Amino acid sequence: MPVTYPIADAAGDIRLEPCFNVDELAALLGASDRTVRRRVSCGAWPYVRGKGGRILFTRAHVRLIVAAFNETHDYPAH
């Protein structure tokens, strides 16, 4: 269940928005949390940093990630 966090937009306005953490997104995608963290660290997926440096995903991020996750990509071997 996403938790609501204050998010600032480009104009500097702050709004409360539901955000998913790494574990919630991994469960939503049917992937591992390691996969989610790798995609974030290589810059393939959008995210925001929450309090304490937590990686969070807004609903807009999740829509973009799901669209990208459903496409075939050639990611380099790890």
PDB file of N, CA and C in Angstrom:
ATOM      1  N   MET A   1       0.843  -1.177   0.000  1.00  0.00           N
ATOM      2  CA  MET A   1       0.000   0.000   0.000  1.00  0.00           C
ATOM      3  C   MET A   1       0.886   1.238   0.000  1.00  0.00           C
ATOM      4  N   PRO A   2       0.755   2.087  -1.003  1.00  0.00           N
ATOM      5  CA  PRO A   2       1.598   3.284  -1.056  1.00  0.00           C
ATOM      6  C   PRO A   2       1.308   4.226   0.114  1.00  0.00           C
ATOM      7  N   VAL A   3       2.348   4.890   0.565  1.00  0.00           N
ATOM      8  CA  VAL A   3       2.255   5.861   1.647  1.00  0.00           C
ATOM      9  C   VAL A   3       2.333   7.249   1.034  1.00  0.00           C
ATOM     10  N   THR A   4       1.636   8.207   1.612  1.00  0.00           N
ATOM     11  CA  THR A   4       1.607   9.570   1.084  1.00  0.00           C
ATOM     12  C   THR A   4       2.804  10.359   1.607  1.00  0.00           C
ATOM     13  N   TYR A   5       3.547  10.983   0.680  1.00  0.00           N
ATOM     14  CA  TYR A   5       4.711  11.798   1.005  1.00  0.00           C
ATOM     15  C   TYR A   5       4.550  13.168   0.368  1.00  0.00           C
ATOM     16  N   PRO A   6       5.135  14.212   0.993  1.00  0.00           N
ATOM     17  CA  PRO A   6       5.153  15.526   0.346  1.00  0.00           C
ATOM     18  C   PRO A   6       6.174  15.530  -0.790  1.00  0.00           C
ATOM     19  N   ILE A   7       5.742  15.908  -1.978  1.00  0.00           N
ATOM     20  CA  ILE A   7       6.604  15.944  -3.161  1.00  0.00           C
ATOM     21  C   ILE A   7       6.573  17.366  -3.725  1.00  0.00           C
ATOM     22  N   ALA A   8       7.755  17.916  -4.039  1.00  0.00           N
ATOM     23  CA  ALA A   8       7.841  19.244  -4.649  1.00  0.00           C
ATOM     24  C   ALA A   8       7.923  19.089  -6.161  1.00  0.00           C
ATOM     25  N   ASP A   9       7.133  19.887  -6.889  1.00  0.00           N
ATOM     26  CA  ASP A   9       7.192  19.838  -8.353  1.00  0.00           C
ATOM     27  C   ASP A   9       8.209  20.861  -8.857  1.00  0.00           C
ATOM     28  N   ALA A  10       8.335  20.978 -10.157  1.00  0.00           N
ATOM     29  CA  ALA A  10       9.332  21.867 -10.755  1.00  0.00           C
ATOM     30  C   ALA A  10       9.109  23.328 -10.392  1.00  0.00           C
ATOM     31  N   ALA A  11       7.850  23.709 -10.156  1.00  0.00           N
ATOM     32  CA  ALA A  11       7.542  25.092  -9.805  1.00  0.00           C
ATOM     33  C   ALA A  11       7.801  25.385  -8.330  1.00  0.00           C
ATOM     34  N   GLY A  12       8.127  24.338  -7.548  1.00  0.00           N
ATOM     35  CA  GLY A  12       8.384  24.530  -6.125  1.00  0.00           C
ATOM     36  C   GLY A  12       7.169  24.330  -5.252  1.00  0.00           C
ATOM     37  N   ASP A  13       6.035  23.989  -5.863  1.00  0.00           N
ATOM     38  CA  ASP A  13       4.834  23.730  -5.086  1.00  0.00           C
ATOM     39  C   ASP A  13       4.920  22.338  -4.458  1.00  0.00           C
ATOM     40  N   ILE A  14       4.487  22.230  -3.212  1.00  0.00           N
ATOM     41  CA  ILE A  14       4.532  20.954  -2.507  1.00  0.00           C
ATOM     42  C   ILE A  14       3.122  20.383  -2.437  1.00  0.00           C
ATOM     43  N   ARG A  15       3.017  19.098  -2.792  1.00  0.00           N
ATOM     44  CA  ARG A  15       1.725  18.415  -2.714  1.00  0.00           C
ATOM     45  C   ARG A  15       1.949  17.038  -2.112  1.00  0.00           C
ATOM     46  N   LEU A  16       0.928  16.506  -1.475  1.00  0.00           N
ATOM     47  CA  LEU A  16       0.998  15.151  -0.937  1.00  0.00           C
ATOM     48  C   LEU A  16       0.633  14.169  -2.029  1.00  0.00           C
ATOM     49  N   GLU A  17       1.484  13.191  -2.230  1.00  0.00           N
ATOM     50  CA  GLU A  17       1.255  12.228  -3.299  1.00  0.00           C
ATOM     51  C   GLU A  17       1.592  10.824  -2.802  1.00  0.00           C
ATOM     52  N   PRO A  18       0.765   9.836  -3.162  1.00  0.00           N
ATOM     53  CA  PRO A  18       1.093   8.462  -2.767  1.00  0.00           C
ATOM     54  C   PRO A  18       2.341   7.986  -3.510  1.00  0.00           C
ATOM     55  N   CYS A  19       3.251   7.356  -2.785  1.00  0.00           N
ATOM     56  CA  CYS A  19       4.503   6.869  -3.363  1.00  0.00           C
ATOM     57  C   CYS A  19       4.732   5.416  -2.963  1.00  0.00           C
ATOM     58  N   PHE A  20       5.314   4.657  -3.873  1.00  0.00           N
ATOM     59  CA  PHE A  20       5.679   3.271  -3.630  1.00  0.00           C
ATOM     60  C   PHE A  20       7.156   3.212  -3.263  1.00  0.00           C
ATOM     61  N   ASN A  21       7.531   2.298  -2.369  1.00  0.00           N
ATOM     62  CA  ASN A  21       8.948   2.094  -2.092  1.00  0.00           C
ATOM     63  C   ASN A  21       9.468   0.962  -2.977  1.00  0.00           C
ATOM     64  N   VAL A  22      10.723   0.600  -2.834  1.00  0.00           N
ATOM     65  CA  VAL A  22      11.351  -0.397  -3.699  1.00  0.00           C
ATOM     66  C   VAL A  22      10.643  -1.745  -3.597  1.00  0.00           C
ATOM     67  N   ASP A  23      10.354  -2.179  -2.375  1.00  0.00           N
ATOM     68  CA  ASP A  23       9.713  -3.480  -2.188  1.00  0.00           C
ATOM     69  C   ASP A  23       8.313  -3.522  -2.796  1.00  0.00           C
ATOM     70  N   GLU A  24       7.558  -2.448  -2.639  1.00  0.00           N
ATOM     71  CA  GLU A  24       6.201  -2.394  -3.206  1.00  0.00           C
ATOM     72  C   GLU A  24       6.238  -2.409  -4.730  1.00  0.00           C
ATOM     73  N   LEU A  25       7.174  -1.676  -5.323  1.00  0.00           N
ATOM     74  CA  LEU A  25       7.278  -1.667  -6.779  1.00  0.00           C
ATOM     75  C   LEU A  25       7.715  -3.034  -7.299  1.00  0.00           C
ATOM     76  N   ALA A  26       8.650  -3.665  -6.612  1.00  0.00           N
ATOM     77  CA  ALA A  26       9.100  -4.996  -7.018  1.00  0.00           C
ATOM     78  C   ALA A  26       7.934  -5.986  -6.999  1.00  0.00           C
ATOM     79  N   ALA A  27       7.109  -5.932  -5.967  1.00  0.00           N
ATOM     80  CA  ALA A  27       5.950  -6.816  -5.886  1.00  0.00           C
ATOM     81  C   ALA A  27       4.944  -6.501  -6.989  1.00  0.00           C
ATOM     82  N   LEU A  28       4.756  -5.226  -7.281  1.00  0.00           N
ATOM     83  CA  LEU A  28       3.828  -4.814  -8.333  1.00  0.00           C
ATOM     84  C   LEU A  28       4.271  -5.327  -9.705  1.00  0.00           C
ATOM     85  N   LEU A  29       5.583  -5.298  -9.949  1.00  0.00           N
ATOM     86  CA  LEU A  29       6.119  -5.731 -11.242  1.00  0.00           C
ATOM     87  C   LEU A  29       6.402  -7.228 -11.311  1.00  0.00           C
ATOM     88  N   GLY A  30       6.383  -7.889 -10.175  1.00  0.00           N
ATOM     89  CA  GLY A  30       6.745  -9.305 -10.150  1.00  0.00           C
ATOM     90  C   GLY A  30       8.238  -9.493 -10.360  1.00  0.00           C
ATOM     91  N   ALA A  31       9.026  -8.530  -9.904  1.00  0.00           N
ATOM     92  CA  ALA A  31      10.482  -8.556 -10.046  1.00  0.00           C
ATOM     93  C   ALA A  31      11.099  -8.553  -8.648  1.00  0.00           C
ATOM     94  N   SER A  32      12.410  -8.670  -8.592  1.00  0.00           N
ATOM     95  CA  SER A  32      13.089  -8.621  -7.297  1.00  0.00           C
ATOM     96  C   SER A  32      13.436  -7.174  -6.945  1.00  0.00           C
ATOM     97  N   ASP A  33      13.622  -6.930  -5.658  1.00  0.00           N
ATOM     98  CA  ASP A  33      14.022  -5.587  -5.239  1.00  0.00           C
ATOM     99  C   ASP A  33      15.414  -5.259  -5.767  1.00  0.00           C
ATOM    100  N   ARG A  34      16.234  -6.276  -5.987  1.00  0.00           N
ATOM    101  CA  ARG A  34      17.560  -6.073  -6.565  1.00  0.00           C
ATOM    102  C   ARG A  34      17.462  -5.530  -7.989  1.00  0.00           C
ATOM    103  N   THR A  35      16.522  -6.062  -8.759  1.00  0.00           N
ATOM    104  CA  THR A  35      16.305  -5.568 -10.124  1.00  0.00           C
ATOM    105  C   THR A  35      15.891  -4.107 -10.111  1.00  0.00           C
ATOM    106  N   VAL A  36      14.977  -3.763  -9.213  1.00  0.00           N
ATOM    107  CA  VAL A  36      14.513  -2.373  -9.110  1.00  0.00           C
ATOM    108  C   VAL A  36      15.683  -1.458  -8.758  1.00  0.00           C
ATOM    109  N   ARG A  37      16.483  -1.846  -7.787  1.00  0.00           N
ATOM    110  CA  ARG A  37      17.628  -1.013  -7.378  1.00  0.00           C
ATOM    111  C   ARG A  37      18.656  -0.869  -8.506  1.00  0.00           C
ATOM    112  N   ARG A  38      18.875  -1.939  -9.266  1.00  0.00           N
ATOM    113  CA  ARG A  38      19.812  -1.857 -10.399  1.00  0.00           C
ATOM    114  C   ARG A  38      19.316  -0.887 -11.455  1.00  0.00           C
ATOM    115  N   ARG A  39      18.026  -0.948 -11.781  1.00  0.00           N
ATOM    116  CA  ARG A  39      17.469  -0.049 -12.805  1.00  0.00           C
ATOM    117  C   ARG A  39      17.542   1.405 -12.346  1.00  0.00           C
ATOM    118  N   VAL A  40      17.341   1.628 -11.053  1.00  0.00           N
ATOM    119  CA  VAL A  40      17.444   2.990 -10.510  1.00  0.00           C
ATOM    120  C   VAL A  40      18.889   3.469 -10.552  1.00  0.00           C
ATOM    121  N   SER A  41      19.818   2.610 -10.130  1.00  0.00           N
ATOM    122  CA  SER A  41      21.225   3.044 -10.065  1.00  0.00           C
ATOM    123  C   SER A  41      21.821   3.306 -11.443  1.00  0.00           C
ATOM    124  N   CYS A  42      21.336   2.604 -12.475  1.00  0.00           N
ATOM    125  CA  CYS A  42      21.885   2.856 -13.820  1.00  0.00           C
ATOM    126  C   CYS A  42      21.141   3.995 -14.523  1.00  0.00           C
ATOM    127  N   GLY A  43      20.108   4.546 -13.877  1.00  0.00           N
ATOM    128  CA  GLY A  43      19.399   5.690 -14.441  1.00  0.00           C
ATOM    129  C   GLY A  43      18.300   5.329 -15.422  1.00  0.00           C
ATOM    130  N   ALA A  44      17.934   4.047 -15.480  1.00  0.00           N
ATOM    131  CA  ALA A  44      16.913   3.618 -16.428  1.00  0.00           C
ATOM    132  C   ALA A  44      15.498   3.963 -15.966  1.00  0.00           C
ATOM    133  N   TRP A  45      15.296   4.065 -14.651  1.00  0.00           N
ATOM    134  CA  TRP A  45      13.955   4.323 -14.125  1.00  0.00           C
ATOM    135  C   TRP A  45      13.935   5.597 -13.287  1.00  0.00           C
ATOM    136  N   PRO A  46      12.861   6.388 -13.409  1.00  0.00           N
ATOM    137  CA  PRO A  46      12.747   7.620 -12.625  1.00  0.00           C
ATOM    138  C   PRO A  46      12.360   7.315 -11.176  1.00  0.00           C
ATOM    139  N   TYR A  47      12.769   8.182 -10.268  1.00  0.00           N
ATOM    140  CA  TYR A  47      12.449   8.024  -8.851  1.00  0.00           C
ATOM    141  C   TYR A  47      12.677   9.351  -8.147  1.00  0.00           C
ATOM    142  N   VAL A  48      12.281   9.423  -6.899  1.00  0.00           N
ATOM    143  CA  VAL A  48      12.592  10.567  -6.043  1.00  0.00           C
ATOM    144  C   VAL A  48      13.183  10.015  -4.753  1.00  0.00           C
ATOM    145  N   ARG A  49      13.970  10.852  -4.105  1.00  0.00           N
ATOM    146  CA  ARG A  49      14.534  10.477  -2.809  1.00  0.00           C
ATOM    147  C   ARG A  49      13.631  11.017  -1.717  1.00  0.00           C
ATOM    148  N   GLY A  50      13.268  10.157  -0.807  1.00  0.00           N
ATOM    149  CA  GLY A  50      12.434  10.556   0.317  1.00  0.00           C
ATOM    150  C   GLY A  50      13.283  10.843   1.539  1.00  0.00           C
ATOM    151  N   LYS A  51      12.620  10.972   2.653  1.00  0.00           N
ATOM    152  CA  LYS A  51      13.284  11.242   3.916  1.00  0.00           C
ATOM    153  C   LYS A  51      14.246  10.099   4.238  1.00  0.00           C
ATOM    154  N   GLY A  52      15.435  10.429   4.634  1.00  0.00           N
ATOM    155  CA  GLY A  52      16.430   9.423   4.953  1.00  0.00           C
ATOM    156  C   GLY A  52      17.030   8.756   3.737  1.00  0.00           C
ATOM    157  N   GLY A  53      16.834   9.337   2.548  1.00  0.00           N
ATOM    158  CA  GLY A  53      17.414   8.793   1.327  1.00  0.00           C
ATOM    159  C   GLY A  53      16.652   7.625   0.729  1.00  0.00           C
ATOM    160  N   ARG A  54      15.425   7.389   1.197  1.00  0.00           N
ATOM    161  CA  ARG A  54      14.629   6.282   0.650  1.00  0.00           C
ATOM    162  C   ARG A  54      14.303   6.526  -0.816  1.00  0.00           C
ATOM    163  N   ILE A  55      14.323   5.468  -1.592  1.00  0.00           N
ATOM    164  CA  ILE A  55      13.960   5.543  -3.005  1.00  0.00           C
ATOM    165  C   ILE A  55      12.451   5.379  -3.097  1.00  0.00           C
ATOM    166  N   LEU A  56      11.787   6.361  -3.709  1.00  0.00           N
ATOM    167  CA  LEU A  56      10.332   6.350  -3.819  1.00  0.00           C
ATOM    168  C   LEU A  56       9.914   6.546  -5.271  1.00  0.00           C
ATOM    169  N   PHE A  57       8.756   6.003  -5.601  1.00  0.00           N
ATOM    170  CA  PHE A  57       8.211   6.101  -6.952  1.00  0.00           C
ATOM    171  C   PHE A  57       6.793   6.645  -6.882  1.00  0.00           C
ATOM    172  N   THR A  58       6.539   7.751  -7.593  1.00  0.00           N
ATOM    173  CA  THR A  58       5.196   8.316  -7.649  1.00  0.00           C
ATOM    174  C   THR A  58       4.357   7.520  -8.645  1.00  0.00           C
ATOM    175  N   ARG A  59       3.071   7.832  -8.709  1.00  0.00           N
ATOM    176  CA  ARG A  59       2.201   7.139  -9.672  1.00  0.00           C
ATOM    177  C   ARG A  59       2.655   7.387 -11.105  1.00  0.00           C
ATOM    178  N   ALA A  60       3.111   8.602 -11.401  1.00  0.00           N
ATOM    179  CA  ALA A  60       3.610   8.905 -12.751  1.00  0.00           C
ATOM    180  C   ALA A  60       4.854   8.082 -13.057  1.00  0.00           C
ATOM    181  N   HIS A  61       5.736   7.935 -12.072  1.00  0.00           N
ATOM    182  CA  HIS A  61       6.927   7.099 -12.257  1.00  0.00           C
ATOM    183  C   HIS A  61       6.529   5.662 -12.547  1.00  0.00           C
ATOM    184  N   VAL A  62       5.561   5.154 -11.789  1.00  0.00           N
ATOM    185  CA  VAL A  62       5.140   3.759 -11.959  1.00  0.00           C
ATOM    186  C   VAL A  62       4.580   3.541 -13.363  1.00  0.00           C
ATOM    187  N   ARG A  63       3.804   4.492 -13.876  1.00  0.00           N
ATOM    188  CA  ARG A  63       3.273   4.355 -15.242  1.00  0.00           C
ATOM    189  C   ARG A  63       4.407   4.276 -16.260  1.00  0.00           C
ATOM    190  N   LEU A  64       5.419   5.128 -16.125  1.00  0.00           N
ATOM    191  CA  LEU A  64       6.561   5.103 -17.043  1.00  0.00           C
ATOM    192  C   LEU A  64       7.358   3.804 -16.916  1.00  0.00           C
ATOM    193  N   ILE A  65       7.542   3.344 -15.698  1.00  0.00           N
ATOM    194  CA  ILE A  65       8.314   2.125 -15.457  1.00  0.00           C
ATOM    195  C   ILE A  65       7.588   0.905 -16.011  1.00  0.00           C
ATOM    196  N   VAL A  66       6.283   0.834 -15.800  1.00  0.00           N
ATOM    197  CA  VAL A  66       5.514  -0.302 -16.319  1.00  0.00           C
ATOM    198  C   VAL A  66       5.590  -0.328 -17.844  1.00  0.00           C
ATOM    199  N   ALA A  67       5.497   0.821 -18.473  1.00  0.00           N
ATOM    200  CA  ALA A  67       5.607   0.880 -19.933  1.00  0.00           C
ATOM    201  C   ALA A  67       6.995   0.421 -20.384  1.00  0.00           C
ATOM    202  N   ALA A  68       8.038   0.853 -19.680  1.00  0.00           N
ATOM    203  CA  ALA A  68       9.399   0.452 -20.034  1.00  0.00           C
ATOM    204  C   ALA A  68       9.654  -1.011 -19.688  1.00  0.00           C
ATOM    205  N   PHE A  69       9.069  -1.495 -18.614  1.00  0.00           N
ATOM    206  CA  PHE A  69       9.272  -2.875 -18.164  1.00  0.00           C
ATOM    207  C   PHE A  69       8.665  -3.861 -19.150  1.00  0.00           C
ATOM    208  N   ASN A  70       7.618  -3.454 -19.836  1.00  0.00           N
ATOM    209  CA  ASN A  70       6.947  -4.337 -20.783  1.00  0.00           C
ATOM    210  C   ASN A  70       7.625  -4.381 -22.147  1.00  0.00           C
ATOM    211  N   GLU A  71       8.642  -3.552 -22.359  1.00  0.00           N
ATOM    212  CA  GLU A  71       9.403  -3.557 -23.605  1.00  0.00           C
ATOM    213  C   GLU A  71      10.657  -4.403 -23.437  1.00  0.00           C
ATOM    214  N   THR A  72      11.172  -4.928 -24.534  1.00  0.00           N
ATOM    215  CA  THR A  72      12.408  -5.700 -24.512  1.00  0.00           C
ATOM    216  C   THR A  72      13.590  -4.746 -24.590  1.00  0.00           C
ATOM    217  N   HIS A  73      14.532  -4.910 -23.662  1.00  0.00           N
ATOM    218  CA  HIS A  73      15.731  -4.070 -23.637  1.00  0.00           C
ATOM    219  C   HIS A  73      16.970  -4.942 -23.644  1.00  0.00           C
ATOM    220  N   ASP A  74      18.054  -4.407 -24.164  1.00  0.00           N
ATOM    221  CA  ASP A  74      19.341  -5.076 -24.108  1.00  0.00           C
ATOM    222  C   ASP A  74      20.158  -4.444 -22.989  1.00  0.00           C
ATOM    223  N   TYR A  75      19.975  -4.929 -21.754  1.00  0.00           N
ATOM    224  CA  TYR A  75      20.753  -4.415 -20.641  1.00  0.00           C
ATOM    225  C   TYR A  75      22.092  -5.153 -20.612  1.00  0.00           C
ATOM    226  N   PRO A  76      23.171  -4.496 -20.240  1.00  0.00           N
ATOM    227  CA  PRO A  76      24.466  -5.155 -20.181  1.00  0.00           C
ATOM    228  C   PRO A  76      24.485  -6.228 -19.092  1.00  0.00           C
ATOM    229  N   ALA A  77      25.347  -7.209 -19.265  1.00  0.00           N
ATOM    230  CA  ALA A  77      25.497  -8.266 -18.250  1.00  0.00           C
ATOM    231  C   ALA A  77      26.068  -7.647 -16.986  1.00  0.00           C
ATOM    232  N   HIS A  78      25.714  -8.226 -15.859  1.00  0.00           N
ATOM    233  CA  HIS A  78      26.168  -7.683 -14.582  1.00  0.00           C
ATOM    234  C   HIS A  78      27.379  -8.408 -14.128  1.00  0.00           C
TER     235      HIS A  78
END
